[in-house]
PDB file of N, CA and C in Angstrom:
ATOM      1  N   MET A   1    -131.596-192.632 -46.850  1.00  0.00           N
ATOM      2  CA  MET A   1    -131.543-193.701 -45.862  1.00  0.00           C
ATOM      3  C   MET A   1    -132.365-193.284 -44.645  1.00  0.00           C
ATOM      4  N   LYS A   2    -133.233-194.175 -44.197  1.00  0.00           N
ATOM      5  CA  LYS A   2    -134.062-193.923 -43.026  1.00  0.00           C
ATOM      6  C   LYS A   2    -133.459-194.654 -41.828  1.00  0.00           C
ATOM      7  N   ILE A   3    -133.206-193.908 -40.750  1.00  0.00           N
ATOM      8  CA  ILE A   3    -132.563-194.458 -39.553  1.00  0.00           C
ATOM      9  C   ILE A   3    -133.546-194.404 -38.389  1.00  0.00           C
ATOM     10  N   LEU A   4    -133.728-195.530 -37.726  1.00  0.00           N
ATOM     11  CA  LEU A   4    -134.558-195.622 -36.529  1.00  0.00           C
ATOM     12  C   LEU A   4    -133.651-195.804 -35.324  1.00  0.00           C
ATOM     13  N   SER A   5    -133.801-194.934 -34.353  1.00  0.00           N
ATOM     14  CA  SER A   5    -133.129-195.096 -33.069  1.00  0.00           C
ATOM     15  C   SER A   5    -134.232-195.273 -32.028  1.00  0.00           C
ATOM     16  N   PHE A   6    -134.124-196.308 -31.200  1.00  0.00           N
ATOM     17  CA  PHE A   6    -135.192-196.552 -30.223  1.00  0.00           C
ATOM     18  C   PHE A   6    -134.622-196.979 -28.876  1.00  0.00           C
ATOM     19  N   ASP A   7    -135.453-196.806 -27.858  1.00  0.00           N
ATOM     20  CA  ASP A   7    -135.097-197.227 -26.511  1.00  0.00           C
ATOM     21  C   ASP A   7    -136.380-197.604 -25.785  1.00  0.00           C
ATOM     22  N   ILE A   8    -136.301-198.631 -24.973  1.00  0.00           N
ATOM     23  CA  ILE A   8    -137.446-199.123 -24.218  1.00  0.00           C
ATOM     24  C   ILE A   8    -137.178-198.965 -22.740  1.00  0.00           C
ATOM     25  N   GLU A   9    -138.206-198.546 -22.013  1.00  0.00           N
ATOM     26  CA  GLU A   9    -138.146-198.478 -20.549  1.00  0.00           C
ATOM     27  C   GLU A   9    -139.214-199.391 -19.982  1.00  0.00           C
ATOM     28  N   SER A  10    -139.005-199.806 -18.746  1.00  0.00           N
ATOM     29  CA  SER A  10    -139.969-200.693 -18.103  1.00  0.00           C
ATOM     30  C   SER A  10    -140.181-200.290 -16.657  1.00  0.00           C
ATOM     31  N   THR A  11    -141.216-200.832 -16.076  1.00  0.00           N
ATOM     32  CA  THR A  11    -141.540-200.499 -14.685  1.00  0.00           C
ATOM     33  C   THR A  11    -140.746-201.307 -13.674  1.00  0.00           C
ATOM     34  N   THR A  12    -140.056-202.366 -14.144  1.00  0.00           N
ATOM     35  CA  THR A  12    -139.280-203.191 -13.201  1.00  0.00           C
ATOM     36  C   THR A  12    -137.819-203.339 -13.602  1.00  0.00           C
ATOM     37  N   GLY A  13    -137.490-203.038 -14.836  1.00  0.00           N
ATOM     38  CA  GLY A  13    -136.128-203.245 -15.320  1.00  0.00           C
ATOM     39  C   GLY A  13    -135.880-204.652 -15.815  1.00  0.00           C
ATOM     40  N   ASN A  14    -136.876-205.517 -15.733  1.00  0.00           N
ATOM     41  CA  ASN A  14    -136.739-206.910 -16.151  1.00  0.00           C
ATOM     42  C   ASN A  14    -137.388-207.090 -17.517  1.00  0.00           C
ATOM     43  N   HIS A  15    -136.665-207.653 -18.484  1.00  0.00           N
ATOM     44  CA  HIS A  15    -137.188-207.764 -19.840  1.00  0.00           C
ATOM     45  C   HIS A  15    -138.146-208.922 -20.043  1.00  0.00           C
ATOM     46  N   ASN A  16    -138.331-209.786 -19.060  1.00  0.00           N
ATOM     47  CA  ASN A  16    -139.181-210.952 -19.291  1.00  0.00           C
ATOM     48  C   ASN A  16    -140.401-211.030 -18.370  1.00  0.00           C
ATOM     49  N   ASP A  17    -140.877-209.893 -17.873  1.00  0.00           N
ATOM     50  CA  ASP A  17    -142.049-209.930 -16.983  1.00  0.00           C
ATOM     51  C   ASP A  17    -143.198-209.042 -17.459  1.00  0.00           C
ATOM     52  N   GLY A  18    -143.147-208.602 -18.713  1.00  0.00           N
ATOM     53  CA  GLY A  18    -144.233-207.785 -19.244  1.00  0.00           C
ATOM     54  C   GLY A  18    -144.279-206.380 -18.692  1.00  0.00           C
ATOM     55  N   SER A  19    -143.117-205.850 -18.279  1.00  0.00           N
ATOM     56  CA  SER A  19    -143.087-204.525 -17.630  1.00  0.00           C
ATOM     57  C   SER A  19    -142.750-203.371 -18.573  1.00  0.00           C
ATOM     58  N   MET A  20    -142.671-203.643 -19.881  1.00  0.00           N
ATOM     59  CA  MET A  20    -142.379-202.579 -20.840  1.00  0.00           C
ATOM     60  C   MET A  20    -143.458-201.501 -20.758  1.00  0.00           C
ATOM     61  N   CYS A  21    -143.017-200.232 -20.605  1.00  0.00           N
ATOM     62  CA  CYS A  21    -143.994-199.151 -20.483  1.00  0.00           C
ATOM     63  C   CYS A  21    -143.754-197.991 -21.448  1.00  0.00           C
ATOM     64  N   THR A  22    -142.587-197.901 -22.052  1.00  0.00           N
ATOM     65  CA  THR A  22    -142.374-196.886 -23.084  1.00  0.00           C
ATOM     66  C   THR A  22    -141.531-197.439 -24.222  1.00  0.00           C
ATOM     67  N   PHE A  23    -141.857-196.993 -25.406  1.00  0.00           N
ATOM     68  CA  PHE A  23    -141.068-197.242 -26.600  1.00  0.00           C
ATOM     69  C   PHE A  23    -140.781-195.871 -27.179  1.00  0.00           C
ATOM     70  N   GLY A  24    -139.604-195.356 -26.879  1.00  0.00           N
ATOM     71  CA  GLY A  24    -139.212-194.046 -27.378  1.00  0.00           C
ATOM     72  C   GLY A  24    -138.418-194.204 -28.652  1.00  0.00           C
ATOM     73  N   TYR A  25    -138.704-193.339 -29.625  1.00  0.00           N
ATOM     74  CA  TYR A  25    -137.974-193.478 -30.880  1.00  0.00           C
ATOM     75  C   TYR A  25    -137.766-192.154 -31.589  1.00  0.00           C
ATOM     76  N   CYS A  26    -136.823-192.204 -32.495  1.00  0.00           N
ATOM     77  CA  CYS A  26    -136.493-191.070 -33.350  1.00  0.00           C
ATOM     78  C   CYS A  26    -136.219-191.644 -34.733  1.00  0.00           C
ATOM     79  N   VAL A  27    -136.812-191.040 -35.744  1.00  0.00           N
ATOM     80  CA  VAL A  27    -136.552-191.432 -37.122  1.00  0.00           C
ATOM     81  C   VAL A  27    -135.849-190.267 -37.795  1.00  0.00           C
ATOM     82  N   ALA A  28    -134.747-190.563 -38.478  1.00  0.00           N
ATOM     83  CA  ALA A  28    -133.974-189.518 -39.147  1.00  0.00           C
ATOM     84  C   ALA A  28    -133.562-189.994 -40.532  1.00  0.00           C
ATOM     85  N   ASP A  29    -133.172-189.046 -41.343  1.00  0.00           N
ATOM     86  CA  ASP A  29    -132.536-189.346 -42.620  1.00  0.00           C
ATOM     87  C   ASP A  29    -131.324-188.440 -42.772  1.00  0.00           C
ATOM     88  N   GLU A  30    -130.795-188.340 -43.961  1.00  0.00           N
ATOM     89  CA  GLU A  30    -129.588-187.546 -44.173  1.00  0.00           C
ATOM     90  C   GLU A  30    -129.791-186.059 -43.877  1.00  0.00           C
ATOM     91  N   THR A  31    -131.043-185.604 -43.896  1.00  0.00           N
ATOM     92  CA  THR A  31    -131.323-184.183 -43.672  1.00  0.00           C
ATOM     93  C   THR A  31    -131.571-183.838 -42.208  1.00  0.00           C
ATOM     94  N   GLY A  32    -131.821-184.840 -41.377  1.00  0.00           N
ATOM     95  CA  GLY A  32    -132.062-184.585 -39.955  1.00  0.00           C
ATOM     96  C   GLY A  32    -133.199-185.430 -39.393  1.00  0.00           C
ATOM     97  N   ILE A  33    -133.705-185.016 -38.231  1.00  0.00           N
ATOM     98  CA  ILE A  33    -134.756-185.752 -37.533  1.00  0.00           C
ATOM     99  C   ILE A  33    -136.096-185.522 -38.221  1.00  0.00           C
ATOM    100  N   LEU A  34    -136.779-186.614 -38.517  1.00  0.00           N
ATOM    101  CA  LEU A  34    -138.093-186.557 -39.151  1.00  0.00           C
ATOM    102  C   LEU A  34    -139.217-186.677 -38.126  1.00  0.00           C
ATOM    103  N   VAL A  35    -139.038-187.580 -37.165  1.00  0.00           N
ATOM    104  CA  VAL A  35    -140.059-187.844 -36.144  1.00  0.00           C
ATOM    105  C   VAL A  35    -139.356-188.203 -34.852  1.00  0.00           C
ATOM    106  N   GLN A  36    -139.888-187.703 -33.753  1.00  0.00           N
ATOM    107  CA  GLN A  36    -139.392-188.068 -32.425  1.00  0.00           C
ATOM    108  C   GLN A  36    -140.619-188.255 -31.547  1.00  0.00           C
ATOM    109  N   LYS A  37    -140.740-189.432 -30.918  1.00  0.00           N
ATOM    110  CA  LYS A  37    -141.975-189.745 -30.197  1.00  0.00           C
ATOM    111  C   LYS A  37    -141.706-190.740 -29.069  1.00  0.00           C
ATOM    112  N   ASP A  38    -142.531-190.683 -28.058  1.00  0.00           N
ATOM    113  CA  ASP A  38    -142.468-191.627 -26.952  1.00  0.00           C
ATOM    114  C   ASP A  38    -143.839-192.277 -26.830  1.00  0.00           C
ATOM    115  N   LEU A  39    -143.918-193.570 -27.102  1.00  0.00           N
ATOM    116  CA  LEU A  39    -145.170-194.308 -26.972  1.00  0.00           C
ATOM    117  C   LEU A  39    -145.245-194.841 -25.543  1.00  0.00           C
ATOM    118  N   VAL A  40    -146.179-194.315 -24.776  1.00  0.00           N
ATOM    119  CA  VAL A  40    -146.323-194.718 -23.364  1.00  0.00           C
ATOM    120  C   VAL A  40    -147.485-195.686 -23.280  1.00  0.00           C
ATOM    121  N   MET A  41    -147.229-196.830 -22.648  1.00  0.00           N
ATOM    122  CA  MET A  41    -148.239-197.882 -22.579  1.00  0.00           C
ATOM    123  C   MET A  41    -148.333-198.486 -21.188  1.00  0.00           C
ATOM    124  N   ARG A  42    -149.511-198.999 -20.875  1.00  0.00           N
ATOM    125  CA  ARG A  42    -149.704-199.709 -19.608  1.00  0.00           C
ATOM    126  C   ARG A  42    -149.011-201.066 -19.733  1.00  0.00           C
ATOM    127  N   PRO A  43    -148.150-201.394 -18.788  1.00  0.00           N
ATOM    128  CA  PRO A  43    -147.455-202.685 -18.870  1.00  0.00           C
ATOM    129  C   PRO A  43    -148.408-203.855 -18.620  1.00  0.00           C
ATOM    130  N   TYR A  44    -148.004-205.007 -19.062  1.00  0.00           N
ATOM    131  CA  TYR A  44    -148.755-206.243 -18.847  1.00  0.00           C
ATOM    132  C   TYR A  44    -148.839-206.558 -17.351  1.00  0.00           C
ATOM    133  N   THR A  45    -147.764-206.293 -16.646  1.00  0.00           N
ATOM    134  CA  THR A  45    -147.704-206.528 -15.207  1.00  0.00           C
ATOM    135  C   THR A  45    -148.161-205.275 -14.454  1.00  0.00           C
ATOM    136  N   ASN A  46    -148.591-205.433 -13.233  1.00  0.00           N
ATOM    137  CA  ASN A  46    -148.963-204.291 -12.393  1.00  0.00           C
ATOM    138  C   ASN A  46    -147.817-203.844 -11.501  1.00  0.00           C
ATOM    139  N   ARG A  47    -146.667-204.510 -11.608  1.00  0.00           N
ATOM    140  CA  ARG A  47    -145.533-204.199 -10.726  1.00  0.00           C
ATOM    141  C   ARG A  47    -144.826-202.910 -11.134  1.00  0.00           C
ATOM    142  N   PHE A  48    -144.556-202.086 -10.154  1.00  0.00           N
ATOM    143  CA  PHE A  48    -143.725-200.893 -10.313  1.00  0.00           C
ATOM    144  C   PHE A  48    -142.688-200.958  -9.210  1.00  0.00           C
ATOM    145  N   GLU A  49    -141.430-201.056  -9.575  1.00  0.00           N
ATOM    146  CA  GLU A  49    -140.360-201.118  -8.585  1.00  0.00           C
ATOM    147  C   GLU A  49    -139.963-199.699  -8.185  1.00  0.00           C
ATOM    148  N   THR A  50    -139.756-199.479  -6.913  1.00  0.00           N
ATOM    149  CA  THR A  50    -139.411-198.143  -6.446  1.00  0.00           C
ATOM    150  C   THR A  50    -138.026-197.691  -6.903  1.00  0.00           C
ATOM    151  N   LYS A  51    -137.125-198.626  -7.202  1.00  0.00           N
ATOM    152  CA  LYS A  51    -135.777-198.242  -7.629  1.00  0.00           C
ATOM    153  C   LYS A  51    -135.738-197.725  -9.067  1.00  0.00           C
ATOM    154  N   ILE A  52    -136.800-197.958  -9.829  1.00  0.00           N
ATOM    155  CA  ILE A  52    -136.869-197.503 -11.213  1.00  0.00           C
ATOM    156  C   ILE A  52    -137.426-196.085 -11.245  1.00  0.00           C
ATOM    157  N   LYS A  53    -136.663-195.155 -11.824  1.00  0.00           N
ATOM    158  CA  LYS A  53    -137.129-193.769 -11.972  1.00  0.00           C
ATOM    159  C   LYS A  53    -137.670-193.601 -13.384  1.00  0.00           C
ATOM    160  N   LEU A  54    -138.968-193.367 -13.479  1.00  0.00           N
ATOM    161  CA  LEU A  54    -139.612-193.215 -14.775  1.00  0.00           C
ATOM    162  C   LEU A  54    -139.882-191.739 -15.057  1.00  0.00           C
ATOM    163  N   HIS A  55    -139.996-191.409 -16.324  1.00  0.00           N
ATOM    164  CA  HIS A  55    -140.258-190.021 -16.725  1.00  0.00           C
ATOM    165  C   HIS A  55    -141.741-189.667 -16.608  1.00  0.00           C
ATOM    166  N   TYR A  56    -142.581-190.667 -16.387  1.00  0.00           N
ATOM    167  CA  TYR A  56    -144.022-190.452 -16.284  1.00  0.00           C
ATOM    168  C   TYR A  56    -144.493-190.967 -14.939  1.00  0.00           C
ATOM    169  N   ASP A  57    -145.543-190.377 -14.440  1.00  0.00           N
ATOM    170  CA  ASP A  57    -146.061-190.836 -13.154  1.00  0.00           C
ATOM    171  C   ASP A  57    -146.859-192.136 -13.342  1.00  0.00           C
ATOM    172  N   LYS A  58    -146.882-192.945 -12.287  1.00  0.00           N
ATOM    173  CA  LYS A  58    -147.479-194.279 -12.344  1.00  0.00           C
ATOM    174  C   LYS A  58    -148.930-194.247 -12.796  1.00  0.00           C
ATOM    175  N   GLU A  59    -149.689-193.272 -12.326  1.00  0.00           N
ATOM    176  CA  GLU A  59    -151.109-193.204 -12.683  1.00  0.00           C
ATOM    177  C   GLU A  59    -151.287-192.925 -14.172  1.00  0.00           C
ATOM    178  N   PHE A  60    -150.417-192.077 -14.730  1.00  0.00           N
ATOM    179  CA  PHE A  60    -150.489-191.816 -16.168  1.00  0.00           C
ATOM    180  C   PHE A  60    -150.197-193.094 -16.943  1.00  0.00           C
ATOM    181  N   ILE A  61    -149.153-193.814 -16.555  1.00  0.00           N
ATOM    182  CA  ILE A  61    -148.794-195.063 -17.228  1.00  0.00           C
ATOM    183  C   ILE A  61    -149.944-196.064 -17.128  1.00  0.00           C
ATOM    184  N   ARG A  62    -150.541-196.170 -15.962  1.00  0.00           N
ATOM    185  CA  ARG A  62    -151.657-197.116 -15.770  1.00  0.00           C
ATOM    186  C   ARG A  62    -152.897-196.727 -16.583  1.00  0.00           C
ATOM    187  N   SER A  63    -153.018-195.468 -16.965  1.00  0.00           N
ATOM    188  CA  SER A  63    -154.185-195.009 -17.723  1.00  0.00           C
ATOM    189  C   SER A  63    -154.030-195.219 -19.231  1.00  0.00           C
ATOM    190  N   ARG A  64    -152.855-195.615 -19.678  1.00  0.00           N
ATOM    191  CA  ARG A  64    -152.554-195.722 -21.110  1.00  0.00           C
ATOM    192  C   ARG A  64    -153.033-197.058 -21.694  1.00  0.00           C
ATOM    193  N   PRO A  65    -153.215-197.104 -23.010  1.00  0.00           N
ATOM    194  CA  PRO A  65    -153.542-198.387 -23.652  1.00  0.00           C
ATOM    195  C   PRO A  65    -152.376-199.367 -23.492  1.00  0.00           C
ATOM    196  N   THR A  66    -152.648-200.643 -23.689  1.00  0.00           N
ATOM    197  CA  THR A  66    -151.601-201.664 -23.610  1.00  0.00           C
ATOM    198  C   THR A  66    -150.870-201.792 -24.953  1.00  0.00           C
ATOM    199  N   PHE A  67    -149.821-202.565 -24.966  1.00  0.00           N
ATOM    200  CA  PHE A  67    -148.952-202.734 -26.127  1.00  0.00           C
ATOM    201  C   PHE A  67    -149.681-203.001 -27.443  1.00  0.00           C
ATOM    202  N   PRO A  68    -150.702-203.866 -27.480  1.00  0.00           N
ATOM    203  CA  PRO A  68    -151.339-204.132 -28.773  1.00  0.00           C
ATOM    204  C   PRO A  68    -151.819-202.871 -29.504  1.00  0.00           C
ATOM    205  N   ALA A  69    -152.149-201.820 -28.780  1.00  0.00           N
ATOM    206  CA  ALA A  69    -152.584-200.574 -29.425  1.00  0.00           C
ATOM    207  C   ALA A  69    -151.457-199.913 -30.218  1.00  0.00           C
ATOM    208  N   PHE A  70    -150.215-200.234 -29.905  1.00  0.00           N
ATOM    209  CA  PHE A  70    -149.050-199.629 -30.553  1.00  0.00           C
ATOM    210  C   PHE A  70    -148.318-200.596 -31.479  1.00  0.00           C
ATOM    211  N   TYR A  71    -148.747-201.830 -31.491  1.00  0.00           N
ATOM    212  CA  TYR A  71    -148.037-202.891 -32.224  1.00  0.00           C
ATOM    213  C   TYR A  71    -147.825-202.541 -33.703  1.00  0.00           C
ATOM    214  N   ASN A  72    -148.878-202.161 -34.402  1.00  0.00           N
ATOM    215  CA  ASN A  72    -148.745-201.880 -35.840  1.00  0.00           C
ATOM    216  C   ASN A  72    -147.799-200.719 -36.111  1.00  0.00           C
ATOM    217  N   GLU A  73    -147.873-199.683 -35.287  1.00  0.00           N
ATOM    218  CA  GLU A  73    -146.969-198.538 -35.459  1.00  0.00           C
ATOM    219  C   GLU A  73    -145.512-198.960 -35.275  1.00  0.00           C
ATOM    220  N   ILE A  74    -145.244-199.766 -34.251  1.00  0.00           N
ATOM    221  CA  ILE A  74    -143.875-200.221 -33.983  1.00  0.00           C
ATOM    222  C   ILE A  74    -143.397-201.138 -35.114  1.00  0.00           C
ATOM    223  N   CYS A  75    -144.255-202.046 -35.578  1.00  0.00           N
ATOM    224  CA  CYS A  75    -143.881-202.915 -36.705  1.00  0.00           C
ATOM    225  C   CYS A  75    -143.528-202.087 -37.931  1.00  0.00           C
ATOM    226  N   SER A  76    -144.313-201.070 -38.201  1.00  0.00           N
ATOM    227  CA  SER A  76    -144.080-200.212 -39.358  1.00  0.00           C
ATOM    228  C   SER A  76    -142.738-199.476 -39.255  1.00  0.00           C
ATOM    229  N   LEU A  77    -142.397-199.037 -38.044  1.00  0.00           N
ATOM    230  CA  LEU A  77    -141.110-198.362 -37.839  1.00  0.00           C
ATOM    231  C   LEU A  77    -139.946-199.269 -38.220  1.00  0.00           C
ATOM    232  N   PHE A  78    -140.001-200.511 -37.768  1.00  0.00           N
ATOM    233  CA  PHE A  78    -138.917-201.447 -38.056  1.00  0.00           C
ATOM    234  C   PHE A  78    -138.874-201.814 -39.544  1.00  0.00           C
ATOM    235  N   SER A  79    -140.032-202.067 -40.127  1.00  0.00           N
ATOM    236  CA  SER A  79    -140.046-202.521 -41.522  1.00  0.00           C
ATOM    237  C   SER A  79    -139.693-201.414 -42.508  1.00  0.00           C
ATOM    238  N   SER A  80    -139.872-200.156 -42.123  1.00  0.00           N
ATOM    239  CA  SER A  80    -139.599-199.058 -43.050  1.00  0.00           C
ATOM    240  C   SER A  80    -138.224-198.422 -42.848  1.00  0.00           C
ATOM    241  N   SER A  81    -137.437-198.961 -41.942  1.00  0.00           N
ATOM    242  CA  SER A  81    -136.120-198.379 -41.653  1.00  0.00           C
ATOM    243  C   SER A  81    -135.002-199.148 -42.347  1.00  0.00           C
ATOM    244  N   ASP A  82    -133.997-198.399 -42.784  1.00  0.00           N
ATOM    245  CA  ASP A  82    -132.833-199.009 -43.412  1.00  0.00           C
ATOM    246  C   ASP A  82    -131.764-199.388 -42.395  1.00  0.00           C
ATOM    247  N   LEU A  83    -131.723-198.642 -41.293  1.00  0.00           N
ATOM    248  CA  LEU A  83    -130.738-198.876 -40.243  1.00  0.00           C
ATOM    249  C   LEU A  83    -131.436-198.667 -38.901  1.00  0.00           C
ATOM    250  N   ILE A  84    -131.194-199.581 -37.957  1.00  0.00           N
ATOM    251  CA  ILE A  84    -131.808-199.496 -36.633  1.00  0.00           C
ATOM    252  C   ILE A  84    -130.689-199.472 -35.603  1.00  0.00           C
ATOM    253  N   ILE A  85    -130.733-198.453 -34.734  1.00  0.00           N
ATOM    254  CA  ILE A  85    -129.700-198.308 -33.720  1.00  0.00           C
ATOM    255  C   ILE A  85    -130.346-198.044 -32.369  1.00  0.00           C
ATOM    256  N   GLY A  86    -129.574-198.204 -31.320  1.00  0.00           N
ATOM    257  CA  GLY A  86    -130.072-197.926 -29.987  1.00  0.00           C
ATOM    258  C   GLY A  86    -129.010-198.218 -28.946  1.00  0.00           C
ATOM    259  N   PHE A  87    -129.414-198.139 -27.708  1.00  0.00           N
ATOM    260  CA  PHE A  87    -128.546-198.456 -26.587  1.00  0.00           C
ATOM    261  C   PHE A  87    -129.064-199.749 -25.987  1.00  0.00           C
ATOM    262  N   SER A  88    -128.232-200.736 -25.825  1.00  0.00           N
ATOM    263  CA  SER A  88    -128.629-202.036 -25.288  1.00  0.00           C
ATOM    264  C   SER A  88    -129.740-202.660 -26.143  1.00  0.00           C
ATOM    265  N   VAL A  89    -129.497-202.686 -27.441  1.00  0.00           N
ATOM    266  CA  VAL A  89    -130.504-203.151 -28.389  1.00  0.00           C
ATOM    267  C   VAL A  89    -130.924-204.592 -28.118  1.00  0.00           C
ATOM    268  N   MET A  90    -129.996-205.469 -27.802  1.00  0.00           N
ATOM    269  CA  MET A  90    -130.359-206.875 -27.555  1.00  0.00           C
ATOM    270  C   MET A  90    -131.340-206.985 -26.389  1.00  0.00           C
ATOM    271  N   ASN A  91    -131.129-206.195 -25.348  1.00  0.00           N
ATOM    272  CA  ASN A  91    -132.046-206.190 -24.217  1.00  0.00           C
ATOM    273  C   ASN A  91    -133.425-205.682 -24.646  1.00  0.00           C
ATOM    274  N   ASP A  92    -133.440-204.608 -25.449  1.00  0.00           N
ATOM    275  CA  ASP A  92    -134.712-204.049 -25.891  1.00  0.00           C
ATOM    276  C   ASP A  92    -135.448-204.994 -26.841  1.00  0.00           C
ATOM    277  N   VAL A  93    -134.718-205.737 -27.650  1.00  0.00           N
ATOM    278  CA  VAL A  93    -135.345-206.745 -28.509  1.00  0.00           C
ATOM    279  C   VAL A  93    -135.998-207.822 -27.646  1.00  0.00           C
ATOM    280  N   GLU A  94    -135.362-208.178 -26.549  1.00  0.00           N
ATOM    281  CA  GLU A  94    -135.980-209.150 -25.636  1.00  0.00           C
ATOM    282  C   GLU A  94    -137.263-208.594 -25.022  1.00  0.00           C
ATOM    283  N   PHE A  95    -137.284-207.295 -24.677  1.00  0.00           N
ATOM    284  CA  PHE A  95    -138.524-206.673 -24.203  1.00  0.00           C
ATOM    285  C   PHE A  95    -139.619-206.845 -25.252  1.00  0.00           C
ATOM    286  N   LEU A  96    -139.302-206.531 -26.508  1.00  0.00           N
ATOM    287  CA  LEU A  96    -140.291-206.640 -27.580  1.00  0.00           C
ATOM    288  C   LEU A  96    -140.757-208.075 -27.781  1.00  0.00           C
ATOM    289  N   ASN A  97    -139.821-209.017 -27.812  1.00  0.00           N
ATOM    290  CA  ASN A  97    -140.198-210.425 -27.982  1.00  0.00           C
ATOM    291  C   ASN A  97    -141.094-210.895 -26.850  1.00  0.00           C
ATOM    292  N   ASN A  98    -140.768-210.498 -25.627  1.00  0.00           N
ATOM    293  CA  ASN A  98    -141.552-210.912 -24.466  1.00  0.00           C
ATOM    294  C   ASN A  98    -142.975-210.367 -24.525  1.00  0.00           C
ATOM    295  N   VAL A  99    -143.117-209.091 -24.819  1.00  0.00           N
ATOM    296  CA  VAL A  99    -144.449-208.497 -24.814  1.00  0.00           C
ATOM    297  C   VAL A  99    -145.288-209.026 -25.979  1.00  0.00           C
ATOM    298  N   CYS A 100    -144.652-209.313 -27.116  1.00  0.00           N
ATOM    299  CA  CYS A 100    -145.385-209.927 -28.226  1.00  0.00           C
ATOM    300  C   CYS A 100    -145.905-211.305 -27.816  1.00  0.00           C
ATOM    301  N   GLU A 101    -145.066-212.066 -27.164  1.00  0.00           N
ATOM    302  CA  GLU A 101    -145.467-213.398 -26.700  1.00  0.00           C
ATOM    303  C   GLU A 101    -146.619-213.306 -25.689  1.00  0.00           C
ATOM    304  N   LEU A 102    -146.543-212.394 -24.744  1.00  0.00           N
ATOM    305  CA  LEU A 102    -147.588-212.254 -23.731  1.00  0.00           C
ATOM    306  C   LEU A 102    -148.946-211.916 -24.335  1.00  0.00           C
ATOM    307  N   TYR A 103    -148.939-211.124 -25.416  1.00  0.00           N
ATOM    308  CA  TYR A 103    -150.187-210.731 -26.070  1.00  0.00           C
ATOM    309  C   TYR A 103    -150.501-211.587 -27.303  1.00  0.00           C
ATOM    310  N   ASN A 104    -149.771-212.690 -27.489  1.00  0.00           N
ATOM    311  CA  ASN A 104    -149.982-213.590 -28.624  1.00  0.00           C
ATOM    312  C   ASN A 104    -149.917-212.876 -29.968  1.00  0.00           C
ATOM    313  N   LEU A 105    -148.932-212.004 -30.105  1.00  0.00           N
ATOM    314  CA  LEU A 105    -148.711-211.290 -31.357  1.00  0.00           C
ATOM    315  C   LEU A 105    -147.442-211.832 -32.020  1.00  0.00           C
ATOM    316  N   PRO A 106    -147.373-211.803 -33.351  1.00  0.00           N
ATOM    317  CA  PRO A 106    -146.137-212.230 -34.015  1.00  0.00           C
ATOM    318  C   PRO A 106    -144.961-211.366 -33.598  1.00  0.00           C
ATOM    319  N   LYS A 107    -143.799-211.981 -33.492  1.00  0.00           N
ATOM    320  CA  LYS A 107    -142.590-211.215 -33.173  1.00  0.00           C
ATOM    321  C   LYS A 107    -142.336-210.190 -34.264  1.00  0.00           C
ATOM    322  N   ILE A 108    -141.768-209.067 -33.880  1.00  0.00           N
ATOM    323  CA  ILE A 108    -141.478-207.991 -34.823  1.00  0.00           C
ATOM    324  C   ILE A 108    -140.178-208.317 -35.548  1.00  0.00           C
ATOM    325  N   GLU A 109    -140.214-208.303 -36.848  1.00  0.00           N
ATOM    326  CA  GLU A 109    -139.043-208.622 -37.672  1.00  0.00           C
ATOM    327  C   GLU A 109    -138.294-207.353 -38.033  1.00  0.00           C
TER     328      GLU A 109
END
C-alpha cells in the first residue's frame, strides 16, 4: 500500500488568492518512508503577509518556478497513492483547486 501525506503552505494563509508556495509531501509504504520532499514554488500572487512565518525566505520563494512546473508531479503523487492523509486536508484541497483554476489546469483527482 502506498500512502501519501501532504501539507500546503501559503504566503497569506488564504486558500483562494493564489498564495500557495509549498507542497510538502511524504510517500510511504509498509516498510517505511520512500520519498520526502518539499516543492517550493512562486505563488500566483505577490502578497506576503508578515504574520505568516515561512520556512523559506521571500526572495528564494520568488525565484522559484510557478505551480504549473510541479503540476504533473503532484498529479502523479495523487494518482499513484492508495491512501492520502494530511492535516486540514479539505483546506489544502481548496488550495490545489484554486491554483489549478488560476493557471487553467484541470483539477487534480
